[in-house]
């Protein structure tokens, strides 16, 4: 998905609207951002999705270990 494509101009307002729903829950906004990121990269090339998810898992595990110190 390119930033100047029609699918992006449809995708952006939907994600923006979901992010700013009047729920005001931090976890909901995190889920929206993570889900939108995964969809965005999977739309471009589904093969990089595994790399992206692996990178997120690795970063989260390192952050949790650093937080324990």
N, C-alpha and C. Protein backbone atom coordinates (compact mmCIF):
# COMPACT_ATOMS: atom_id res chain seq x y z
N UNK A 1 0.86 -1.16 0.00
CA UNK A 1 0.00 0.00 0.00
C UNK A 1 0.91 1.23 0.00
N UNK A 2 0.71 2.08 -0.95
CA UNK A 2 1.48 3.32 -1.03
C UNK A 2 0.72 4.45 -0.35
N UNK A 3 1.46 5.43 0.11
CA UNK A 3 0.83 6.56 0.81
C UNK A 3 0.00 7.44 -0.12
N UNK A 4 0.19 7.33 -1.41
CA UNK A 4 -0.57 8.13 -2.35
C UNK A 4 -1.56 7.29 -3.16
N UNK A 5 -1.97 6.15 -2.60
CA UNK A 5 -2.90 5.27 -3.30
C UNK A 5 -4.31 5.40 -2.73
N UNK A 6 -5.27 4.97 -3.51
CA UNK A 6 -6.68 5.00 -3.09
C UNK A 6 -6.91 4.12 -1.85
N UNK A 7 -6.36 2.89 -1.78
CA UNK A 7 -6.58 2.10 -0.57
C UNK A 7 -6.08 2.79 0.70
N UNK A 8 -4.98 3.53 0.60
CA UNK A 8 -4.48 4.23 1.78
C UNK A 8 -5.43 5.34 2.20
N UNK A 9 -6.02 6.04 1.23
CA UNK A 9 -6.96 7.12 1.56
C UNK A 9 -8.26 6.58 2.16
N UNK A 10 -8.52 5.32 1.96
CA UNK A 10 -9.66 4.67 2.62
C UNK A 10 -9.23 4.14 3.99
N UNK A 11 -8.03 3.58 4.05
CA UNK A 11 -7.48 2.97 5.25
C UNK A 11 -7.26 4.01 6.36
N UNK A 12 -6.68 5.14 6.03
CA UNK A 12 -6.31 6.14 7.03
C UNK A 12 -7.50 6.69 7.82
N UNK A 13 -8.59 7.12 7.20
CA UNK A 13 -9.71 7.62 8.01
C UNK A 13 -10.35 6.55 8.89
N UNK A 14 -10.35 5.31 8.43
CA UNK A 14 -10.92 4.23 9.24
C UNK A 14 -10.08 4.03 10.49
N UNK A 15 -8.76 3.96 10.33
CA UNK A 15 -7.87 3.76 11.48
C UNK A 15 -7.93 4.98 12.40
N UNK A 16 -7.93 6.16 11.83
CA UNK A 16 -7.99 7.38 12.63
C UNK A 16 -9.28 7.42 13.45
N UNK A 17 -10.40 7.05 12.81
CA UNK A 17 -11.68 7.04 13.52
C UNK A 17 -11.73 6.00 14.62
N UNK A 18 -11.19 4.81 14.35
CA UNK A 18 -11.16 3.77 15.38
C UNK A 18 -10.26 4.17 16.55
N UNK A 19 -9.17 4.84 16.24
CA UNK A 19 -8.25 5.25 17.30
C UNK A 19 -8.89 6.28 18.23
N UNK A 20 -9.66 7.19 17.68
CA UNK A 20 -10.25 8.27 18.48
C UNK A 20 -11.69 8.01 18.88
N UNK A 21 -12.11 6.74 18.88
CA UNK A 21 -13.44 6.42 19.40
C UNK A 21 -13.53 6.90 20.86
N UNK A 22 -14.70 7.25 21.30
CA UNK A 22 -14.83 7.79 22.66
C UNK A 22 -14.67 6.75 23.76
N UNK A 23 -14.00 5.65 23.49
CA UNK A 23 -13.79 4.62 24.51
C UNK A 23 -12.77 5.09 25.54
N UNK A 24 -11.76 5.81 25.10
CA UNK A 24 -10.71 6.37 25.96
C UNK A 24 -9.98 5.31 26.78
N UNK A 25 -9.73 4.19 26.18
CA UNK A 25 -8.96 3.13 26.82
C UNK A 25 -7.62 3.03 26.11
N UNK A 26 -6.56 3.06 26.88
CA UNK A 26 -5.23 2.99 26.29
C UNK A 26 -5.01 1.66 25.57
N UNK A 27 -5.51 0.58 26.14
CA UNK A 27 -5.31 -0.73 25.52
C UNK A 27 -6.02 -0.80 24.17
N UNK A 28 -7.18 -0.15 24.04
CA UNK A 28 -7.91 -0.15 22.77
C UNK A 28 -7.11 0.57 21.70
N UNK A 29 -6.53 1.70 22.06
CA UNK A 29 -5.73 2.45 21.09
C UNK A 29 -4.49 1.66 20.69
N UNK A 30 -3.89 0.93 21.63
CA UNK A 30 -2.74 0.09 21.30
C UNK A 30 -3.13 -1.02 20.33
N UNK A 31 -4.28 -1.64 20.57
CA UNK A 31 -4.76 -2.70 19.69
C UNK A 31 -5.01 -2.16 18.28
N UNK A 32 -5.60 -0.98 18.19
CA UNK A 32 -5.88 -0.37 16.89
C UNK A 32 -4.58 -0.09 16.14
N UNK A 33 -3.61 0.48 16.82
CA UNK A 33 -2.34 0.83 16.16
C UNK A 33 -1.59 -0.44 15.72
N UNK A 34 -1.54 -1.44 16.59
CA UNK A 34 -0.84 -2.68 16.24
C UNK A 34 -1.56 -3.40 15.10
N UNK A 35 -2.88 -3.48 15.19
CA UNK A 35 -3.65 -4.13 14.13
C UNK A 35 -3.52 -3.40 12.80
N UNK A 36 -3.55 -2.07 12.83
CA UNK A 36 -3.42 -1.29 11.60
C UNK A 36 -2.03 -1.46 11.01
N UNK A 37 -1.01 -1.51 11.85
CA UNK A 37 0.35 -1.70 11.37
C UNK A 37 0.50 -3.07 10.70
N UNK A 38 -0.02 -4.10 11.36
CA UNK A 38 0.06 -5.44 10.79
C UNK A 38 -0.68 -5.52 9.45
N UNK A 39 -1.86 -4.92 9.38
CA UNK A 39 -2.62 -4.92 8.14
C UNK A 39 -1.89 -4.14 7.05
N UNK A 40 -1.33 -2.99 7.41
CA UNK A 40 -0.64 -2.15 6.44
C UNK A 40 0.53 -2.89 5.80
N UNK A 41 1.36 -3.52 6.63
CA UNK A 41 2.51 -4.25 6.09
C UNK A 41 2.09 -5.52 5.38
N UNK A 42 1.05 -6.19 5.85
CA UNK A 42 0.57 -7.40 5.18
C UNK A 42 -0.05 -7.05 3.83
N UNK A 43 -0.67 -5.90 3.72
CA UNK A 43 -1.25 -5.48 2.45
C UNK A 43 -0.15 -5.25 1.42
N UNK A 44 0.98 -4.71 1.88
CA UNK A 44 2.10 -4.45 0.97
C UNK A 44 2.71 -5.76 0.50
N UNK A 45 3.06 -6.62 1.45
CA UNK A 45 3.64 -7.92 1.13
C UNK A 45 3.45 -8.84 2.34
N UNK A 46 2.63 -9.86 2.21
CA UNK A 46 2.29 -10.71 3.35
C UNK A 46 3.50 -11.47 3.88
N UNK A 47 4.55 -11.61 3.07
CA UNK A 47 5.73 -12.34 3.52
C UNK A 47 6.52 -11.60 4.58
N UNK A 48 6.42 -10.28 4.65
CA UNK A 48 7.15 -9.53 5.67
C UNK A 48 6.40 -9.53 7.00
N UNK A 49 5.19 -10.03 7.01
CA UNK A 49 4.39 -10.04 8.23
C UNK A 49 5.05 -10.88 9.33
N UNK A 50 5.61 -12.00 8.98
CA UNK A 50 6.31 -12.83 9.95
C UNK A 50 7.52 -12.12 10.54
N UNK A 51 8.25 -11.42 9.71
CA UNK A 51 9.40 -10.65 10.18
C UNK A 51 8.94 -9.55 11.13
N UNK A 52 7.86 -8.89 10.79
CA UNK A 52 7.33 -7.80 11.61
C UNK A 52 6.86 -8.31 12.97
N UNK A 53 6.13 -9.42 12.98
CA UNK A 53 5.63 -10.00 14.23
C UNK A 53 6.80 -10.51 15.07
N UNK A 54 7.78 -11.12 14.43
CA UNK A 54 8.97 -11.57 15.15
C UNK A 54 9.74 -10.41 15.76
N UNK A 55 9.83 -9.33 15.04
CA UNK A 55 10.52 -8.14 15.55
C UNK A 55 9.79 -7.56 16.76
N UNK A 56 8.47 -7.54 16.70
CA UNK A 56 7.67 -7.04 17.83
C UNK A 56 7.88 -7.95 19.04
N UNK A 57 7.82 -9.26 18.84
CA UNK A 57 7.98 -10.20 19.95
C UNK A 57 9.37 -10.08 20.58
N UNK A 58 10.40 -9.97 19.74
CA UNK A 58 11.76 -9.83 20.26
C UNK A 58 11.91 -8.53 21.05
N UNK A 59 11.42 -7.44 20.51
CA UNK A 59 11.53 -6.15 21.18
C UNK A 59 10.79 -6.15 22.51
N UNK A 60 9.60 -6.75 22.53
CA UNK A 60 8.84 -6.80 23.79
C UNK A 60 9.54 -7.65 24.83
N UNK A 61 10.15 -8.77 24.42
CA UNK A 61 10.83 -9.62 25.39
C UNK A 61 12.07 -8.93 25.94
N UNK A 62 12.80 -8.22 25.12
CA UNK A 62 13.97 -7.47 25.59
C UNK A 62 13.53 -6.35 26.52
N UNK A 63 12.45 -5.66 26.18
CA UNK A 63 11.96 -4.56 27.03
C UNK A 63 11.52 -5.07 28.39
N UNK A 64 10.88 -6.23 28.43
CA UNK A 64 10.46 -6.80 29.72
C UNK A 64 11.66 -7.19 30.56
N UNK A 65 12.70 -7.72 29.94
CA UNK A 65 13.91 -8.08 30.71
C UNK A 65 14.62 -6.84 31.21
N UNK A 66 14.65 -5.79 30.42
CA UNK A 66 15.28 -4.54 30.86
C UNK A 66 14.48 -3.92 32.00
N UNK A 67 13.16 -4.02 31.93
CA UNK A 67 12.32 -3.43 32.98
C UNK A 67 12.50 -4.15 34.32
N UNK A 68 12.85 -5.43 34.28
CA UNK A 68 13.07 -6.18 35.52
C UNK A 68 14.35 -5.77 36.24
N UNK A 69 15.29 -5.25 35.50
CA UNK A 69 16.59 -4.88 36.11
C UNK A 69 16.51 -3.62 36.93
